[in-house]
N, C-alpha and C. Protein backbone atom coordinates (compact mmCIF):
# COMPACT_ATOMS: atom_id res chain seq x y z
N MET A 1 -88.39 -193.29 -90.12
CA MET A 1 -88.46 -192.01 -90.11
C MET A 1 -88.21 -191.23 -91.29
N GLN A 2 -89.14 -190.20 -91.83
CA GLN A 2 -88.80 -189.55 -92.99
C GLN A 2 -87.57 -188.73 -93.05
N LYS A 3 -86.85 -188.90 -94.01
CA LYS A 3 -85.63 -187.94 -94.23
C LYS A 3 -85.97 -186.98 -95.23
N LEU A 4 -85.60 -185.67 -94.78
CA LEU A 4 -85.80 -184.46 -95.43
C LEU A 4 -84.84 -183.93 -96.24
N SER A 5 -85.13 -183.25 -97.35
CA SER A 5 -84.03 -182.57 -98.28
C SER A 5 -84.21 -181.18 -98.56
N ILE A 6 -83.24 -180.42 -98.95
CA ILE A 6 -83.22 -179.10 -99.45
C ILE A 6 -82.50 -179.12 -100.72
N LYS A 7 -83.12 -178.23 -101.67
CA LYS A 7 -82.53 -177.86 -102.79
C LYS A 7 -82.56 -176.26 -103.20
N GLN A 8 -81.38 -175.80 -103.36
CA GLN A 8 -81.32 -174.51 -103.53
C GLN A 8 -80.25 -174.00 -104.75
N SER A 9 -80.50 -172.85 -105.40
CA SER A 9 -79.63 -172.59 -106.23
C SER A 9 -79.38 -171.21 -106.26
N ILE A 10 -77.98 -170.72 -106.83
CA ILE A 10 -77.75 -169.39 -107.02
C ILE A 10 -76.90 -169.17 -108.14
N VAL A 11 -77.05 -168.11 -108.84
CA VAL A 11 -76.29 -167.73 -110.16
C VAL A 11 -75.10 -166.87 -109.61
N ILE A 12 -73.89 -167.08 -109.95
CA ILE A 12 -72.78 -166.40 -109.74
C ILE A 12 -72.14 -166.03 -111.00
N ASN A 13 -71.69 -164.79 -110.93
CA ASN A 13 -70.91 -164.18 -112.08
C ASN A 13 -69.56 -164.58 -112.17
N ALA A 14 -69.19 -165.80 -112.49
CA ALA A 14 -67.88 -166.35 -112.65
C ALA A 14 -68.02 -167.57 -113.14
N PRO A 15 -66.84 -168.10 -113.76
CA PRO A 15 -66.74 -169.60 -114.43
C PRO A 15 -66.71 -170.83 -113.32
N ALA A 16 -67.28 -171.67 -113.77
CA ALA A 16 -67.39 -172.85 -113.17
C ALA A 16 -66.07 -173.18 -112.15
N HIS A 17 -65.08 -173.06 -112.99
CA HIS A 17 -63.63 -173.41 -112.40
C HIS A 17 -63.23 -172.65 -111.28
N ALA A 18 -63.87 -171.32 -111.12
CA ALA A 18 -63.63 -170.46 -110.02
C ALA A 18 -64.25 -171.01 -108.82
N ILE A 19 -65.69 -171.33 -108.89
CA ILE A 19 -66.44 -171.85 -108.06
C ILE A 19 -66.03 -173.18 -107.37
N TYR A 20 -65.79 -173.97 -108.35
CA TYR A 20 -65.31 -175.32 -107.84
C TYR A 20 -64.01 -175.30 -107.19
N GLN A 21 -63.14 -174.45 -107.29
CA GLN A 21 -61.92 -174.06 -106.59
C GLN A 21 -62.18 -173.54 -105.28
N ALA A 22 -63.25 -172.75 -105.20
CA ALA A 22 -63.61 -172.26 -103.97
C ALA A 22 -64.26 -173.15 -102.78
N LEU A 23 -64.90 -174.14 -103.56
CA LEU A 23 -65.57 -175.33 -102.83
C LEU A 23 -64.63 -176.42 -102.44
N THR A 24 -63.36 -176.62 -103.06
CA THR A 24 -62.73 -177.58 -102.99
C THR A 24 -61.17 -177.27 -102.47
N ARG A 25 -61.09 -176.19 -102.05
CA ARG A 25 -59.55 -175.67 -101.67
C ARG A 25 -59.65 -175.36 -100.05
N SER A 26 -58.90 -176.10 -99.41
CA SER A 26 -59.07 -175.96 -97.80
C SER A 26 -58.91 -174.48 -97.43
N GLU A 27 -57.92 -174.01 -98.06
CA GLU A 27 -57.56 -172.40 -97.80
C GLU A 27 -58.58 -171.47 -98.05
N GLN A 28 -59.40 -171.76 -99.06
CA GLN A 28 -60.35 -170.74 -99.51
C GLN A 28 -61.61 -170.77 -98.54
N ILE A 29 -62.18 -172.02 -98.21
CA ILE A 29 -63.19 -172.17 -97.65
C ILE A 29 -63.52 -171.28 -96.45
N PRO A 30 -62.78 -171.07 -95.47
CA PRO A 30 -62.78 -170.38 -94.32
C PRO A 30 -63.04 -168.93 -94.60
N LEU A 31 -62.65 -168.46 -95.71
CA LEU A 31 -62.66 -167.21 -96.28
C LEU A 31 -64.23 -166.58 -96.32
N TYR A 32 -65.20 -167.67 -96.73
CA TYR A 32 -66.48 -167.41 -96.88
C TYR A 32 -67.52 -168.03 -96.05
N PHE A 33 -67.23 -169.32 -95.65
CA PHE A 33 -68.13 -169.91 -94.82
C PHE A 33 -67.62 -169.83 -93.33
N PRO A 34 -68.24 -169.90 -92.20
CA PRO A 34 -68.04 -169.74 -90.86
C PRO A 34 -67.20 -171.01 -90.49
N ILE A 35 -66.21 -171.23 -91.03
CA ILE A 35 -65.26 -172.63 -90.66
C ILE A 35 -63.95 -171.97 -90.34
N LYS A 36 -63.27 -172.62 -89.43
CA LYS A 36 -61.97 -172.14 -88.98
C LYS A 36 -60.94 -172.95 -89.72
N LEU A 37 -61.12 -174.09 -90.05
CA LEU A 37 -60.05 -175.10 -90.63
C LEU A 37 -60.61 -176.07 -91.25
N VAL A 38 -60.26 -176.51 -92.71
CA VAL A 38 -60.75 -177.65 -93.45
C VAL A 38 -59.53 -178.62 -93.68
N ILE A 39 -59.73 -179.69 -93.48
CA ILE A 39 -58.64 -180.78 -93.50
C ILE A 39 -59.09 -181.87 -94.51
N SER A 40 -58.33 -182.07 -95.79
CA SER A 40 -58.76 -183.06 -96.52
C SER A 40 -57.67 -183.12 -97.54
N LYS A 41 -57.49 -184.29 -98.13
CA LYS A 41 -56.58 -184.50 -99.33
C LYS A 41 -57.27 -184.31 -100.63
N TRP A 42 -58.54 -184.02 -100.75
CA TRP A 42 -59.46 -183.80 -101.76
C TRP A 42 -59.34 -184.90 -102.85
N ARG A 43 -59.47 -186.20 -102.38
CA ARG A 43 -59.75 -187.19 -103.22
C ARG A 43 -60.91 -188.08 -102.99
N VAL A 44 -61.72 -188.70 -103.91
CA VAL A 44 -62.96 -189.50 -103.62
C VAL A 44 -62.49 -190.58 -102.58
N GLY A 45 -63.51 -190.76 -101.65
CA GLY A 45 -63.21 -191.83 -100.43
C GLY A 45 -62.34 -191.35 -99.51
N GLU A 46 -61.81 -190.02 -99.59
CA GLU A 46 -60.82 -189.61 -98.40
C GLU A 46 -61.77 -188.53 -97.49
N SER A 47 -61.37 -188.47 -96.33
CA SER A 47 -62.02 -187.72 -95.49
C SER A 47 -61.90 -186.28 -95.55
N VAL A 48 -63.11 -185.52 -95.19
CA VAL A 48 -63.04 -184.05 -95.09
C VAL A 48 -63.45 -183.59 -93.64
N GLU A 49 -62.96 -182.73 -93.13
CA GLU A 49 -63.28 -182.21 -91.88
C GLU A 49 -63.38 -180.62 -91.78
N TYR A 50 -64.53 -180.45 -91.53
CA TYR A 50 -64.86 -178.87 -91.38
C TYR A 50 -64.87 -178.61 -89.96
N LYS A 51 -64.19 -177.64 -89.41
CA LYS A 51 -63.82 -177.39 -87.94
C LYS A 51 -64.26 -175.76 -87.81
N GLY A 52 -64.97 -175.45 -86.75
CA GLY A 52 -65.54 -174.14 -86.70
C GLY A 52 -66.12 -174.11 -85.36
N GLU A 53 -66.91 -172.97 -85.14
CA GLU A 53 -67.47 -172.60 -83.84
C GLU A 53 -68.82 -171.91 -84.09
N ILE A 54 -69.72 -172.35 -83.15
CA ILE A 54 -71.08 -171.88 -83.11
C ILE A 54 -71.37 -171.31 -81.83
N ASN A 55 -71.59 -170.23 -81.66
CA ASN A 55 -72.06 -169.52 -80.36
C ASN A 55 -70.67 -169.84 -79.14
N GLY A 56 -69.75 -169.83 -79.81
CA GLY A 56 -68.48 -169.90 -78.83
C GLY A 56 -68.38 -171.44 -78.58
N LEU A 57 -68.97 -172.54 -79.17
CA LEU A 57 -68.78 -173.77 -79.07
C LEU A 57 -68.11 -174.32 -79.99
N PRO A 58 -67.01 -175.06 -79.94
CA PRO A 58 -66.41 -175.75 -81.21
C PRO A 58 -67.24 -176.90 -81.71
N PHE A 59 -67.06 -177.15 -83.09
CA PHE A 59 -67.67 -178.23 -83.83
C PHE A 59 -66.78 -178.85 -84.78
N THR A 60 -67.14 -180.07 -85.21
CA THR A 60 -66.49 -180.76 -86.25
C THR A 60 -67.50 -181.42 -87.08
N ASP A 61 -67.57 -181.06 -88.38
CA ASP A 61 -68.26 -181.95 -89.56
C ASP A 61 -67.19 -182.93 -89.83
N TYR A 62 -67.56 -184.34 -89.83
CA TYR A 62 -66.59 -185.45 -90.13
C TYR A 62 -67.17 -186.02 -91.54
N GLY A 63 -66.55 -185.81 -92.61
CA GLY A 63 -66.95 -186.23 -93.78
C GLY A 63 -66.28 -187.21 -94.64
N VAL A 64 -66.98 -187.73 -95.60
CA VAL A 64 -66.18 -188.48 -96.72
C VAL A 64 -66.52 -187.84 -98.13
N ILE A 65 -65.56 -187.58 -98.89
CA ILE A 65 -65.78 -187.24 -100.19
C ILE A 65 -66.38 -188.42 -101.16
N GLU A 66 -67.40 -187.97 -101.81
CA GLU A 66 -68.19 -188.97 -102.68
C GLU A 66 -67.98 -188.91 -104.25
N LYS A 67 -68.02 -187.61 -104.49
CA LYS A 67 -67.91 -187.18 -105.90
C LYS A 67 -66.85 -185.98 -106.17
N LEU A 68 -66.05 -186.04 -106.85
CA LEU A 68 -65.29 -184.89 -107.23
C LEU A 68 -65.04 -184.86 -108.88
N VAL A 69 -65.86 -184.15 -109.49
CA VAL A 69 -65.68 -183.88 -110.88
C VAL A 69 -65.40 -182.45 -110.98
N PRO A 70 -64.02 -182.14 -111.58
CA PRO A 70 -63.54 -180.80 -111.65
C PRO A 70 -64.57 -179.98 -112.57
N ASN A 71 -64.81 -178.90 -111.77
CA ASN A 71 -65.96 -177.76 -112.61
C ASN A 71 -67.11 -178.11 -112.76
N VAL A 72 -67.63 -179.38 -112.28
CA VAL A 72 -68.98 -179.94 -112.31
C VAL A 72 -69.42 -180.36 -111.07
N CYS A 73 -68.94 -181.04 -110.10
CA CYS A 73 -69.74 -181.54 -109.00
C CYS A 73 -68.69 -181.62 -107.87
N TYR A 74 -69.12 -181.51 -106.66
CA TYR A 74 -68.57 -181.82 -105.41
C TYR A 74 -69.42 -182.48 -104.35
N GLN A 75 -69.48 -183.78 -104.05
CA GLN A 75 -70.33 -184.24 -103.08
C GLN A 75 -69.78 -184.82 -102.00
N TYR A 76 -70.28 -184.68 -100.73
CA TYR A 76 -69.73 -185.50 -99.67
C TYR A 76 -70.90 -185.72 -98.71
N ARG A 77 -70.66 -186.68 -97.85
CA ARG A 77 -71.44 -187.09 -96.87
C ARG A 77 -70.69 -186.92 -95.43
N TYR A 78 -71.72 -186.34 -94.43
CA TYR A 78 -70.88 -185.95 -93.24
C TYR A 78 -71.98 -186.18 -91.96
N TRP A 79 -71.39 -186.20 -90.81
CA TRP A 79 -71.75 -186.10 -89.67
C TRP A 79 -71.35 -185.06 -88.87
N SER A 80 -72.20 -184.29 -88.12
CA SER A 80 -71.63 -183.16 -87.14
C SER A 80 -71.77 -183.41 -85.80
N ASP A 81 -70.91 -183.27 -84.99
CA ASP A 81 -71.07 -183.41 -83.51
C ASP A 81 -72.14 -182.32 -82.86
N ASN A 82 -72.56 -181.43 -83.81
CA ASN A 82 -73.59 -180.24 -83.26
C ASN A 82 -74.92 -180.59 -83.88
N HIS A 83 -75.23 -181.63 -84.55
CA HIS A 83 -76.62 -181.95 -84.85
C HIS A 83 -77.34 -182.78 -83.96
N GLY A 84 -76.94 -183.18 -82.91
CA GLY A 84 -77.59 -183.88 -81.83
C GLY A 84 -78.08 -185.34 -82.24
N THR A 85 -77.22 -185.89 -83.12
CA THR A 85 -77.67 -187.13 -83.52
C THR A 85 -76.22 -188.15 -83.15
N GLN A 86 -76.69 -189.27 -83.16
CA GLN A 86 -75.57 -190.42 -83.02
C GLN A 86 -74.66 -190.43 -84.25
N GLN A 87 -73.42 -190.76 -83.94
CA GLN A 87 -72.51 -190.78 -85.29
C GLN A 87 -72.82 -192.34 -85.70
N CYS A 88 -73.85 -192.47 -86.60
CA CYS A 88 -74.04 -193.75 -87.46
C CYS A 88 -74.22 -193.36 -88.92
N ALA A 89 -74.34 -194.45 -89.68
CA ALA A 89 -74.73 -194.32 -91.07
C ALA A 89 -75.96 -193.51 -91.37
N GLU A 90 -77.07 -193.87 -90.54
CA GLU A 90 -78.38 -193.30 -90.74
C GLU A 90 -78.31 -191.83 -90.61
N SER A 91 -77.42 -191.23 -89.75
CA SER A 91 -77.22 -189.73 -89.28
C SER A 91 -76.31 -189.02 -90.30
N TYR A 92 -75.84 -189.46 -91.27
CA TYR A 92 -75.07 -188.84 -92.21
C TYR A 92 -75.84 -188.02 -93.14
N VAL A 93 -75.58 -186.74 -93.21
CA VAL A 93 -76.17 -185.81 -94.12
C VAL A 93 -75.36 -185.73 -95.50
N THR A 94 -75.88 -185.57 -96.77
CA THR A 94 -75.16 -185.58 -97.95
C THR A 94 -75.47 -184.28 -98.51
N ILE A 95 -74.36 -183.58 -98.94
CA ILE A 95 -74.41 -182.19 -99.69
C ILE A 95 -73.76 -182.35 -101.00
N CYS A 96 -74.41 -181.85 -102.06
CA CYS A 96 -74.04 -182.12 -103.24
C CYS A 96 -74.11 -180.62 -103.89
N TYR A 97 -72.83 -180.22 -104.42
CA TYR A 97 -72.85 -178.95 -105.22
C TYR A 97 -72.58 -179.51 -106.66
N GLN A 98 -73.61 -178.92 -107.57
CA GLN A 98 -73.46 -179.10 -109.08
C GLN A 98 -73.37 -177.89 -109.58
N LEU A 99 -72.61 -177.85 -110.39
CA LEU A 99 -72.25 -176.49 -111.41
C LEU A 99 -72.92 -176.51 -112.85
N GLN A 100 -73.44 -175.59 -112.90
CA GLN A 100 -73.96 -175.60 -114.46
C GLN A 100 -73.69 -174.53 -115.27
N VAL A 101 -73.13 -174.39 -116.31
CA VAL A 101 -72.50 -173.27 -117.09
C VAL A 101 -73.48 -172.56 -117.61
N VAL A 102 -73.93 -171.25 -117.38
CA VAL A 102 -74.88 -170.63 -118.20
C VAL A 102 -74.15 -170.01 -119.55
N ASN A 103 -73.04 -169.43 -119.19
CA ASN A 103 -72.31 -169.00 -120.30
C ASN A 103 -70.90 -168.98 -119.93
N HIS A 104 -69.65 -168.54 -120.58
CA HIS A 104 -68.46 -168.79 -119.85
C HIS A 104 -68.11 -167.83 -118.66
N GLN A 105 -68.89 -167.06 -118.42
CA GLN A 105 -68.53 -166.12 -117.33
C GLN A 105 -69.74 -166.15 -116.24
N VAL A 106 -70.83 -166.93 -116.32
CA VAL A 106 -71.87 -167.05 -115.38
C VAL A 106 -72.07 -168.60 -115.21
N THR A 107 -72.31 -169.00 -114.00
CA THR A 107 -72.47 -170.46 -113.56
C THR A 107 -73.75 -170.40 -112.63
N ARG A 108 -74.40 -171.36 -112.76
CA ARG A 108 -75.66 -171.63 -111.68
C ARG A 108 -74.88 -172.69 -110.78
N LEU A 109 -75.24 -172.53 -109.60
CA LEU A 109 -74.61 -173.65 -108.44
C LEU A 109 -76.10 -174.19 -107.97
N LEU A 110 -76.05 -175.45 -108.01
CA LEU A 110 -77.25 -176.11 -107.47
C LEU A 110 -76.79 -176.92 -106.03
N MET A 111 -77.36 -176.62 -105.19
CA MET A 111 -76.94 -177.40 -104.00
C MET A 111 -78.00 -178.18 -103.41
N THR A 112 -77.72 -179.38 -102.97
CA THR A 112 -78.82 -180.28 -102.28
C THR A 112 -78.22 -180.89 -101.30
N GLN A 113 -79.05 -180.97 -100.19
CA GLN A 113 -78.62 -181.38 -98.89
C GLN A 113 -79.84 -182.43 -98.39
N ASP A 114 -79.37 -183.75 -98.19
CA ASP A 114 -80.39 -184.80 -98.15
C ASP A 114 -80.09 -185.45 -96.81
N ASN A 115 -81.16 -186.12 -96.48
CA ASN A 115 -81.18 -187.07 -95.00
C ASN A 115 -81.01 -186.11 -93.55
N LEU A 116 -81.76 -184.87 -93.83
CA LEU A 116 -81.88 -184.14 -92.76
C LEU A 116 -82.96 -184.83 -91.76
N VAL A 117 -82.64 -184.66 -90.36
CA VAL A 117 -83.50 -185.49 -89.61
C VAL A 117 -84.67 -185.10 -88.97
N SER A 118 -84.85 -183.77 -89.11
CA SER A 118 -86.02 -182.94 -88.43
C SER A 118 -86.73 -181.96 -89.23
N GLU A 119 -87.90 -181.74 -89.18
CA GLU A 119 -88.50 -180.35 -89.62
C GLU A 119 -87.73 -179.09 -89.18
N GLU A 120 -87.49 -179.19 -88.01
CA GLU A 120 -86.48 -177.72 -87.35
C GLU A 120 -85.29 -177.67 -88.01
N MET A 121 -84.47 -178.76 -88.25
CA MET A 121 -83.23 -178.60 -88.88
C MET A 121 -83.55 -178.21 -90.24
N LEU A 122 -84.38 -178.75 -91.00
CA LEU A 122 -84.91 -178.26 -92.47
C LEU A 122 -85.09 -176.84 -92.47
N THR A 123 -85.82 -176.52 -91.58
CA THR A 123 -86.25 -174.90 -91.60
C THR A 123 -85.15 -174.03 -91.43
N VAL A 124 -84.55 -174.50 -90.49
CA VAL A 124 -83.05 -173.57 -90.05
C VAL A 124 -82.16 -173.43 -91.20
N MET A 125 -81.85 -174.77 -91.90
CA MET A 125 -81.01 -174.90 -93.05
C MET A 125 -81.45 -174.06 -94.24
N ASP A 126 -82.75 -174.49 -94.36
CA ASP A 126 -83.39 -173.91 -95.58
C ASP A 126 -83.69 -172.37 -95.61
N GLU A 127 -83.96 -171.71 -94.66
CA GLU A 127 -84.51 -170.47 -94.62
C GLU A 127 -83.38 -169.60 -94.09
N ILE A 128 -82.45 -170.03 -93.12
CA ILE A 128 -81.29 -169.04 -92.62
C ILE A 128 -80.00 -169.58 -93.21
N VAL A 129 -79.60 -170.72 -93.05
CA VAL A 129 -78.22 -171.14 -93.16
C VAL A 129 -77.65 -171.13 -94.44
N TRP A 130 -78.53 -171.93 -95.39
CA TRP A 130 -78.04 -171.81 -96.99
C TRP A 130 -78.27 -170.40 -97.71
N PRO A 131 -79.19 -169.74 -97.35
CA PRO A 131 -79.32 -168.42 -98.02
C PRO A 131 -78.12 -167.60 -97.70
N GLN A 132 -77.53 -167.77 -96.35
CA GLN A 132 -76.47 -166.92 -95.96
C GLN A 132 -75.03 -167.62 -96.53
N LEU A 133 -75.06 -168.93 -96.45
CA LEU A 133 -73.74 -169.56 -96.89
C LEU A 133 -73.49 -169.30 -98.67
N LEU A 134 -74.64 -169.47 -99.32
CA LEU A 134 -74.60 -169.49 -100.74
C LEU A 134 -74.20 -167.96 -101.08
N THR A 135 -74.89 -167.16 -100.33
CA THR A 135 -74.60 -165.58 -100.76
C THR A 135 -73.35 -165.33 -100.41
N ALA A 136 -72.47 -165.82 -99.19
CA ALA A 136 -71.30 -165.49 -98.82
C ALA A 136 -70.32 -166.26 -99.89
N LEU A 137 -70.65 -167.33 -100.40
CA LEU A 137 -69.83 -168.17 -101.57
C LEU A 137 -69.98 -167.27 -102.65
N LYS A 138 -71.24 -166.69 -103.05
CA LYS A 138 -71.24 -165.95 -104.35
C LYS A 138 -70.33 -164.50 -104.23
N ASN A 139 -70.47 -163.96 -103.16
CA ASN A 139 -69.80 -162.68 -102.88
C ASN A 139 -68.36 -162.85 -103.00
N HIS A 140 -67.77 -164.03 -102.24
CA HIS A 140 -66.41 -164.28 -102.34
C HIS A 140 -65.68 -164.70 -103.72
N VAL A 141 -66.55 -165.46 -104.46
CA VAL A 141 -66.06 -165.88 -105.70
C VAL A 141 -66.15 -164.66 -106.56
N GLN A 142 -67.21 -163.98 -106.68
CA GLN A 142 -67.15 -162.99 -107.58
C GLN A 142 -66.07 -161.82 -107.22
N ALA A 143 -65.76 -161.47 -106.24
CA ALA A 143 -64.69 -160.56 -105.66
C ALA A 143 -63.38 -161.02 -106.34
N ASN A 144 -63.28 -162.45 -105.94
CA ASN A 144 -61.96 -162.88 -106.12
C ASN A 144 -61.66 -162.92 -107.67
N TYR A 145 -62.85 -163.29 -108.16
CA TYR A 145 -62.58 -163.65 -109.77
C TYR A 145 -62.24 -162.21 -110.46
N LEU A 146 -63.14 -161.23 -109.98
CA LEU A 146 -63.11 -160.04 -110.60
C LEU A 146 -61.41 -159.35 -110.48
N LYS A 147 -61.09 -159.68 -109.19
CA LYS A 147 -59.75 -159.20 -108.86
C LYS A 147 -58.72 -159.85 -109.68
N SER A 148 -59.14 -161.07 -110.15
CA SER A 148 -57.92 -161.88 -110.79
C SER A 148 -58.05 -161.28 -112.34
N GLN A 149 -59.31 -160.98 -112.83
CA GLN A 149 -59.27 -160.48 -114.12
C GLN A 149 -58.65 -159.00 -114.12
N ILE A 150 -58.66 -158.22 -113.18
CA ILE A 150 -57.99 -156.88 -113.20
C ILE A 150 -56.77 -157.28 -113.13
N THR A 151 -56.23 -158.11 -112.46
CA THR A 151 -54.72 -158.29 -112.20
C THR A 151 -54.15 -158.76 -113.65
N VAL A 152 -54.82 -159.66 -114.22
CA VAL A 152 -54.46 -160.23 -115.64
C VAL A 152 -54.48 -159.09 -116.64
N ALA A 153 -55.35 -158.06 -116.74
CA ALA A 153 -55.57 -157.01 -117.53
C ALA A 153 -54.43 -156.08 -117.45
N LEU A 154 -53.93 -156.02 -116.15
CA LEU A 154 -52.75 -155.03 -116.00
C LEU A 154 -51.67 -155.55 -116.50
């Protein structure tokens, strides 16, 4: 069976450290992603669980952190109980966020999602889910970074 991938990028008007913190702090993620709770010790090899709800039904993404390079990269692989697949190694999806500094106040976020199991899932994730999620992340980071800069200036 062919495994499918998505690659998307977005430019965020904030430094890499602000984006990295938003991606790797359990208390920040539910502020911009439709997740209720994130549980992790935030170390390579440790688990990460994203718990949420879709159409009134609870779900959990069960993941393992593969890379954590501060301000550069966060990668994990996961299986979700809402993907309609069996929980086995072949069903795990990998998500990688890479941060590329454009200048000290602007960062490009590259997101790759690998090992999608169907064209239908690829289409939904590529055309609907990721554009919404990346835009929500961008808005969250930019608003909070601007707020922090105003506070520092005062």
